[in-house]
């Protein structure tokens, strides 16, 4: 008998009668969560605008990490 794996990153997983059942959060709920995480995302934005703002924020955070790493390497013996 072959066993299948129930894997997913988008919601809770449960097994019912040998089947994998996935309870997904709606896209609207995910959109709202993302709006709360991104600075400037509190206002109503279309999905395209929110994703663009998210990409910009990720690039800003990467830049900030790189600057902080460079500073720490200068002062670490």
PDB file of N, CA and C in Angstrom:
ATOM      1  N   UNK A   1       0.847  -1.177   0.000  1.00  0.00           N
ATOM      2  CA  UNK A   1       0.000   0.000   0.000  1.00  0.00           C
ATOM      3  C   UNK A   1       0.894   1.241   0.000  1.00  0.00           C
ATOM      4  N   UNK A   2       0.585   2.183  -0.836  1.00  0.00           N
ATOM      5  CA  UNK A   2       1.376   3.391  -0.977  1.00  0.00           C
ATOM      6  C   UNK A   2       0.824   4.486  -0.086  1.00  0.00           C
ATOM      7  N   UNK A   3       1.726   5.120   0.669  1.00  0.00           N
ATOM      8  CA  UNK A   3       1.311   6.244   1.518  1.00  0.00           C
ATOM      9  C   UNK A   3       1.651   7.545   0.822  1.00  0.00           C
ATOM     10  N   UNK A   4       0.756   8.472   0.884  1.00  0.00           N
ATOM     11  CA  UNK A   4       1.016   9.786   0.307  1.00  0.00           C
ATOM     12  C   UNK A   4       1.243  10.766   1.430  1.00  0.00           C
ATOM     13  N   UNK A   5       2.040  11.749   1.145  1.00  0.00           N
ATOM     14  CA  UNK A   5       2.363  12.761   2.135  1.00  0.00           C
ATOM     15  C   UNK A   5       1.410  13.940   1.983  1.00  0.00           C
ATOM     16  N   UNK A   6       0.996  14.484   3.098  1.00  0.00           N
ATOM     17  CA  UNK A   6       0.145  15.676   3.087  1.00  0.00           C
ATOM     18  C   UNK A   6       1.012  16.859   3.463  1.00  0.00           C
ATOM     19  N   UNK A   7       1.487  17.575   2.466  1.00  0.00           N
ATOM     20  CA  UNK A   7       2.343  18.721   2.734  1.00  0.00           C
ATOM     21  C   UNK A   7       1.778  19.947   2.060  1.00  0.00           C
ATOM     22  N   UNK A   8       1.853  21.056   2.776  1.00  0.00           N
ATOM     23  CA  UNK A   8       1.441  22.330   2.202  1.00  0.00           C
ATOM     24  C   UNK A   8       1.890  23.437   3.119  1.00  0.00           C
ATOM     25  N   UNK A   9       2.148  24.603   2.555  1.00  0.00           N
ATOM     26  CA  UNK A   9       2.525  25.756   3.359  1.00  0.00           C
ATOM     27  C   UNK A   9       1.400  26.776   3.423  1.00  0.00           C
ATOM     28  N   UNK A  10       0.268  26.465   2.817  1.00  0.00           N
ATOM     29  CA  UNK A  10      -0.779  27.477   2.721  1.00  0.00           C
ATOM     30  C   UNK A  10      -1.942  27.271   3.680  1.00  0.00           C
ATOM     31  N   UNK A  11      -1.852  26.317   4.566  1.00  0.00           N
ATOM     32  CA  UNK A  11      -2.964  26.137   5.490  1.00  0.00           C
ATOM     33  C   UNK A  11      -2.795  24.917   6.363  1.00  0.00           C
ATOM     34  N   UNK A  12      -3.797  24.651   7.146  1.00  0.00           N
ATOM     35  CA  UNK A  12      -3.768  23.515   8.053  1.00  0.00           C
ATOM     36  C   UNK A  12      -4.090  22.237   7.297  1.00  0.00           C
ATOM     37  N   UNK A  13      -3.511  21.147   7.757  1.00  0.00           N
ATOM     38  CA  UNK A  13      -3.704  19.867   7.094  1.00  0.00           C
ATOM     39  C   UNK A  13      -4.265  18.868   8.088  1.00  0.00           C
ATOM     40  N   UNK A  14      -5.190  18.090   7.639  1.00  0.00           N
ATOM     41  CA  UNK A  14      -5.713  17.011   8.473  1.00  0.00           C
ATOM     42  C   UNK A  14      -5.978  15.806   7.584  1.00  0.00           C
ATOM     43  N   UNK A  15      -6.047  14.649   8.199  1.00  0.00           N
ATOM     44  CA  UNK A  15      -6.352  13.425   7.452  1.00  0.00           C
ATOM     45  C   UNK A  15      -7.753  12.968   7.808  1.00  0.00           C
ATOM     46  N   UNK A  16      -8.522  12.713   6.813  1.00  0.00           N
ATOM     47  CA  UNK A  16      -9.879  12.193   6.999  1.00  0.00           C
ATOM     48  C   UNK A  16     -10.068  11.030   6.052  1.00  0.00           C
ATOM     49  N   UNK A  17     -10.367   9.887   6.603  1.00  0.00           N
ATOM     50  CA  UNK A  17     -10.639   8.682   5.808  1.00  0.00           C
ATOM     51  C   UNK A  17      -9.554   8.435   4.766  1.00  0.00           C
ATOM     52  N   UNK A  18      -8.298   8.602   5.197  1.00  0.00           N
ATOM     53  CA  UNK A  18      -7.188   8.317   4.293  1.00  0.00           C
ATOM     54  C   UNK A  18      -6.905   9.385   3.262  1.00  0.00           C
ATOM     55  N   UNK A  19      -7.604  10.485   3.321  1.00  0.00           N
ATOM     56  CA  UNK A  19      -7.389  11.560   2.364  1.00  0.00           C
ATOM     57  C   UNK A  19      -6.825  12.784   3.058  1.00  0.00           C
ATOM     58  N   UNK A  20      -6.015  13.501   2.338  1.00  0.00           N
ATOM     59  CA  UNK A  20      -5.472  14.749   2.852  1.00  0.00           C
ATOM     60  C   UNK A  20      -6.501  15.848   2.629  1.00  0.00           C
ATOM     61  N   UNK A  21      -6.819  16.554   3.686  1.00  0.00           N
ATOM     62  CA  UNK A  21      -7.776  17.640   3.587  1.00  0.00           C
ATOM     63  C   UNK A  21      -7.040  18.922   3.955  1.00  0.00           C
ATOM     64  N   UNK A  22      -7.092  19.867   3.079  1.00  0.00           N
ATOM     65  CA  UNK A  22      -6.390  21.123   3.273  1.00  0.00           C
ATOM     66  C   UNK A  22      -7.400  22.242   3.468  1.00  0.00           C
ATOM     67  N   UNK A  23      -7.257  22.950   4.574  1.00  0.00           N
ATOM     68  CA  UNK A  23      -8.109  24.110   4.808  1.00  0.00           C
ATOM     69  C   UNK A  23      -7.291  25.344   4.459  1.00  0.00           C
ATOM     70  N   UNK A  24      -7.636  25.973   3.361  1.00  0.00           N
ATOM     71  CA  UNK A  24      -6.871  27.128   2.887  1.00  0.00           C
ATOM     72  C   UNK A  24      -7.468  28.424   3.389  1.00  0.00           C
ATOM     73  N   UNK A  25      -6.565  29.331   3.688  1.00  0.00           N
ATOM     74  CA  UNK A  25      -7.019  30.673   3.981  1.00  0.00           C
ATOM     75  C   UNK A  25      -7.361  31.331   2.660  1.00  0.00           C
ATOM     76  N   UNK A  26      -8.338  32.144   2.676  1.00  0.00           N
ATOM     77  CA  UNK A  26      -8.739  32.782   1.431  1.00  0.00           C
ATOM     78  C   UNK A  26      -7.687  33.800   0.996  1.00  0.00           C
ATOM     79  N   UNK A  27      -7.640  34.059  -0.274  1.00  0.00           N
ATOM     80  CA  UNK A  27      -6.697  35.022  -0.822  1.00  0.00           C
ATOM     81  C   UNK A  27      -6.925  36.394  -0.213  1.00  0.00           C
ATOM     82  N   UNK A  28      -8.161  36.716   0.076  1.00  0.00           N
ATOM     83  CA  UNK A  28      -8.470  38.005   0.684  1.00  0.00           C
ATOM     84  C   UNK A  28      -7.857  38.107   2.076  1.00  0.00           C
ATOM     85  N   UNK A  29      -7.913  37.038   2.862  1.00  0.00           N
ATOM     86  CA  UNK A  29      -7.299  37.054   4.193  1.00  0.00           C
ATOM     87  C   UNK A  29      -5.794  37.213   4.106  1.00  0.00           C
ATOM     88  N   UNK A  30      -5.171  36.537   3.155  1.00  0.00           N
ATOM     89  CA  UNK A  30      -3.732  36.669   2.972  1.00  0.00           C
ATOM     90  C   UNK A  30      -3.362  38.087   2.546  1.00  0.00           C
ATOM     91  N   UNK A  31      -4.188  38.671   1.692  1.00  0.00           N
ATOM     92  CA  UNK A  31      -3.984  40.048   1.242  1.00  0.00           C
ATOM     93  C   UNK A  31      -4.030  41.002   2.442  1.00  0.00           C
ATOM     94  N   UNK A  32      -5.000  40.804   3.325  1.00  0.00           N
ATOM     95  CA  UNK A  32      -5.139  41.656   4.505  1.00  0.00           C
ATOM     96  C   UNK A  32      -3.945  41.494   5.449  1.00  0.00           C
ATOM     97  N   UNK A  33      -3.463  40.272   5.634  1.00  0.00           N
ATOM     98  CA  UNK A  33      -2.304  40.046   6.492  1.00  0.00           C
ATOM     99  C   UNK A  33      -1.072  40.745   5.923  1.00  0.00           C
ATOM    100  N   UNK A  34      -0.881  40.651   4.619  1.00  0.00           N
ATOM    101  CA  UNK A  34       0.259  41.298   3.977  1.00  0.00           C
ATOM    102  C   UNK A  34       0.170  42.808   4.112  1.00  0.00           C
ATOM    103  N   UNK A  35      -1.032  43.347   3.957  1.00  0.00           N
ATOM    104  CA  UNK A  35      -1.218  44.799   4.119  1.00  0.00           C
ATOM    105  C   UNK A  35      -0.758  45.267   5.489  1.00  0.00           C
ATOM    106  N   UNK A  36      -1.006  44.471   6.510  1.00  0.00           N
ATOM    107  CA  UNK A  36      -0.633  44.850   7.873  1.00  0.00           C
ATOM    108  C   UNK A  36       0.876  44.762   8.104  1.00  0.00           C
ATOM    109  N   UNK A  37       1.574  43.941   7.343  1.00  0.00           N
ATOM    110  CA  UNK A  37       3.009  43.757   7.527  1.00  0.00           C
ATOM    111  C   UNK A  37       3.858  44.805   6.826  1.00  0.00           C
ATOM    112  N   UNK A  38       3.355  45.337   5.725  1.00  0.00           N
ATOM    113  CA  UNK A  38       4.125  46.242   4.886  1.00  0.00           C
ATOM    114  C   UNK A  38       3.859  47.691   5.272  1.00  0.00           C
ATOM    115  N   UNK A  39       4.935  48.475   5.549  1.00  0.00           N
ATOM    116  CA  UNK A  39       4.721  49.901   5.822  1.00  0.00           C
ATOM    117  C   UNK A  39       4.073  50.584   4.619  1.00  0.00           C
ATOM    118  N   UNK A  40       3.070  51.361   4.873  1.00  0.00           N
ATOM    119  CA  UNK A  40       2.339  52.028   3.804  1.00  0.00           C
ATOM    120  C   UNK A  40       1.254  51.164   3.210  1.00  0.00           C
ATOM    121  N   UNK A  41       1.106  49.946   3.689  1.00  0.00           N
ATOM    122  CA  UNK A  41       0.098  49.049   3.160  1.00  0.00           C
ATOM    123  C   UNK A  41      -1.230  49.181   3.864  1.00  0.00           C
ATOM    124  N   UNK A  42      -1.327  50.062   4.847  1.00  0.00           N
ATOM    125  CA  UNK A  42      -2.555  50.221   5.607  1.00  0.00           C
ATOM    126  C   UNK A  42      -3.703  50.793   4.805  1.00  0.00           C
ATOM    127  N   UNK A  43      -3.377  51.519   3.767  1.00  0.00           N
ATOM    128  CA  UNK A  43      -4.447  52.064   2.935  1.00  0.00           C
ATOM    129  C   UNK A  43      -4.908  51.013   1.939  1.00  0.00           C
ATOM    130  N   UNK A  44      -6.047  51.212   1.360  1.00  0.00           N
ATOM    131  CA  UNK A  44      -6.598  50.251   0.395  1.00  0.00           C
ATOM    132  C   UNK A  44      -5.777  50.281  -0.888  1.00  0.00           C
ATOM    133  N   UNK A  45      -5.229  49.158  -1.254  1.00  0.00           N
ATOM    134  CA  UNK A  45      -4.428  49.050  -2.464  1.00  0.00           C
ATOM    135  C   UNK A  45      -4.936  47.888  -3.311  1.00  0.00           C
ATOM    136  N   UNK A  46      -4.767  48.022  -4.610  1.00  0.00           N
ATOM    137  CA  UNK A  46      -5.034  46.881  -5.478  1.00  0.00           C
ATOM    138  C   UNK A  46      -3.930  45.857  -5.255  1.00  0.00           C
ATOM    139  N   UNK A  47      -4.180  44.633  -5.628  1.00  0.00           N
ATOM    140  CA  UNK A  47      -3.203  43.560  -5.434  1.00  0.00           C
ATOM    141  C   UNK A  47      -1.874  43.876  -6.104  1.00  0.00           C
ATOM    142  N   UNK A  48      -1.916  44.425  -7.306  1.00  0.00           N
ATOM    143  CA  UNK A  48      -0.686  44.752  -8.024  1.00  0.00           C
ATOM    144  C   UNK A  48       0.136  45.784  -7.272  1.00  0.00           C
ATOM    145  N   UNK A  49      -0.540  46.803  -6.731  1.00  0.00           N
ATOM    146  CA  UNK A  49       0.159  47.838  -5.969  1.00  0.00           C
ATOM    147  C   UNK A  49       0.754  47.271  -4.688  1.00  0.00           C
ATOM    148  N   UNK A  50       0.009  46.416  -4.022  1.00  0.00           N
ATOM    149  CA  UNK A  50       0.495  45.814  -2.784  1.00  0.00           C
ATOM    150  C   UNK A  50       1.712  44.931  -3.047  1.00  0.00           C
ATOM    151  N   UNK A  51       1.673  44.146  -4.116  1.00  0.00           N
ATOM    152  CA  UNK A  51       2.813  43.289  -4.430  1.00  0.00           C
ATOM    153  C   UNK A  51       4.035  44.106  -4.824  1.00  0.00           C
ATOM    154  N   UNK A  52       3.837  45.194  -5.532  1.00  0.00           N
ATOM    155  CA  UNK A  52       4.947  46.077  -5.886  1.00  0.00           C
ATOM    156  C   UNK A  52       5.547  46.715  -4.634  1.00  0.00           C
ATOM    157  N   UNK A  53       4.690  47.172  -3.732  1.00  0.00           N
ATOM    158  CA  UNK A  53       5.147  47.755  -2.473  1.00  0.00           C
ATOM    159  C   UNK A  53       5.887  46.716  -1.636  1.00  0.00           C
ATOM    160  N   UNK A  54       5.413  45.486  -1.656  1.00  0.00           N
ATOM    161  CA  UNK A  54       6.061  44.399  -0.923  1.00  0.00           C
ATOM    162  C   UNK A  54       7.451  44.128  -1.490  1.00  0.00           C
ATOM    163  N   UNK A  55       7.574  44.092  -2.815  1.00  0.00           N
ATOM    164  CA  UNK A  55       8.875  43.863  -3.445  1.00  0.00           C
ATOM    165  C   UNK A  55       9.850  44.976  -3.091  1.00  0.00           C
ATOM    166  N   UNK A  56       9.382  46.217  -3.103  1.00  0.00           N
ATOM    167  CA  UNK A  56      10.228  47.347  -2.720  1.00  0.00           C
ATOM    168  C   UNK A  56      10.682  47.227  -1.271  1.00  0.00           C
ATOM    169  N   UNK A  57       9.792  46.816  -0.401  1.00  0.00           N
ATOM    170  CA  UNK A  57      10.120  46.680   1.019  1.00  0.00           C
ATOM    171  C   UNK A  57      11.135  45.557   1.242  1.00  0.00           C
ATOM    172  N   UNK A  58      10.999  44.470   0.515  1.00  0.00           N
ATOM    173  CA  UNK A  58      11.966  43.372   0.625  1.00  0.00           C
ATOM    174  C   UNK A  58      13.343  43.848   0.190  1.00  0.00           C
ATOM    175  N   UNK A  59      13.418  44.590  -0.901  1.00  0.00           N
ATOM    176  CA  UNK A  59      14.699  45.118  -1.362  1.00  0.00           C
ATOM    177  C   UNK A  59      15.295  46.082  -0.336  1.00  0.00           C
ATOM    178  N   UNK A  60      14.470  46.915   0.276  1.00  0.00           N
ATOM    179  CA  UNK A  60      14.931  47.825   1.320  1.00  0.00           C
ATOM    180  C   UNK A  60      15.499  47.048   2.498  1.00  0.00           C
ATOM    181  N   UNK A  61      14.818  45.988   2.918  1.00  0.00           N
ATOM    182  CA  UNK A  61      15.295  45.189   4.050  1.00  0.00           C
ATOM    183  C   UNK A  61      16.614  44.488   3.713  1.00  0.00           C
ATOM    184  N   UNK A  62      16.735  43.979   2.496  1.00  0.00           N
ATOM    185  CA  UNK A  62      17.997  43.354   2.084  1.00  0.00           C
ATOM    186  C   UNK A  62      19.138  44.360   2.122  1.00  0.00           C
ATOM    187  N   UNK A  63      18.891  45.562   1.617  1.00  0.00           N
ATOM    188  CA  UNK A  63      19.893  46.615   1.640  1.00  0.00           C
ATOM    189  C   UNK A  63      20.300  46.936   3.080  1.00  0.00           C
ATOM    190  N   UNK A  64      19.316  47.054   3.950  1.00  0.00           N
ATOM    191  CA  UNK A  64      19.577  47.372   5.354  1.00  0.00           C
ATOM    192  C   UNK A  64      20.425  46.282   6.018  1.00  0.00           C
ATOM    193  N   UNK A  65      20.112  45.030   5.748  1.00  0.00           N
ATOM    194  CA  UNK A  65      20.899  43.914   6.299  1.00  0.00           C
ATOM    195  C   UNK A  65      22.330  43.982   5.798  1.00  0.00           C
ATOM    196  N   UNK A  66      22.512  44.254   4.525  1.00  0.00           N
ATOM    197  CA  UNK A  66      23.866  44.353   3.970  1.00  0.00           C
ATOM    198  C   UNK A  66      24.659  45.485   4.600  1.00  0.00           C
ATOM    199  N   UNK A  67      24.031  46.621   4.811  1.00  0.00           N
ATOM    200  CA  UNK A  67      24.708  47.756   5.455  1.00  0.00           C
ATOM    201  C   UNK A  67      25.089  47.391   6.889  1.00  0.00           C
ATOM    202  N   UNK A  68      24.172  46.782   7.616  1.00  0.00           N
ATOM    203  CA  UNK A  68      24.468  46.404   9.002  1.00  0.00           C
ATOM    204  C   UNK A  68      25.565  45.349   9.076  1.00  0.00           C
ATOM    205  N   UNK A  69      25.587  44.417   8.131  1.00  0.00           N
ATOM    206  CA  UNK A  69      26.675  43.431   8.093  1.00  0.00           C
ATOM    207  C   UNK A  69      28.013  44.109   7.850  1.00  0.00           C
ATOM    208  N   UNK A  70      28.047  45.038   6.905  1.00  0.00           N
ATOM    209  CA  UNK A  70      29.290  45.749   6.600  1.00  0.00           C
ATOM    210  C   UNK A  70      29.774  46.535   7.810  1.00  0.00           C
ATOM    211  N   UNK A  71      28.867  47.191   8.503  1.00  0.00           N
ATOM    212  CA  UNK A  71      29.244  47.953   9.699  1.00  0.00           C
ATOM    213  C   UNK A  71      29.769  47.024  10.781  1.00  0.00           C
ATOM    214  N   UNK A  72      29.098  45.888  10.993  1.00  0.00           N
ATOM    215  CA  UNK A  72      29.554  44.968  12.028  1.00  0.00           C
ATOM    216  C   UNK A  72      30.903  44.362  11.686  1.00  0.00           C
ATOM    217  N   UNK A  73      31.179  44.113  10.417  1.00  0.00           N
ATOM    218  CA  UNK A  73      32.488  43.577  10.012  1.00  0.00           C
ATOM    219  C   UNK A  73      33.595  44.605  10.217  1.00  0.00           C
ATOM    220  N   UNK A  74      33.276  45.889  10.101  1.00  0.00           N
ATOM    221  CA  UNK A  74      34.281  46.929  10.328  1.00  0.00           C
ATOM    222  C   UNK A  74      34.699  46.985  11.787  1.00  0.00           C
ATOM    223  N   UNK A  75      33.765  46.740  12.687  1.00  0.00           N
ATOM    224  CA  UNK A  75      34.042  46.902  14.101  1.00  0.00           C
ATOM    225  C   UNK A  75      34.329  45.597  14.829  1.00  0.00           C
ATOM    226  N   UNK A  76      34.154  44.472  14.168  1.00  0.00           N
ATOM    227  CA  UNK A  76      34.465  43.179  14.781  1.00  0.00           C
ATOM    228  C   UNK A  76      35.919  42.853  14.505  1.00  0.00           C
ATOM    229  N   UNK A  77      36.662  42.465  15.534  1.00  0.00           N
ATOM    230  CA  UNK A  77      38.093  42.149  15.303  1.00  0.00           C
ATOM    231  C   UNK A  77      38.272  40.841  14.550  1.00  0.00           C
TER     232      UNK A  77
END
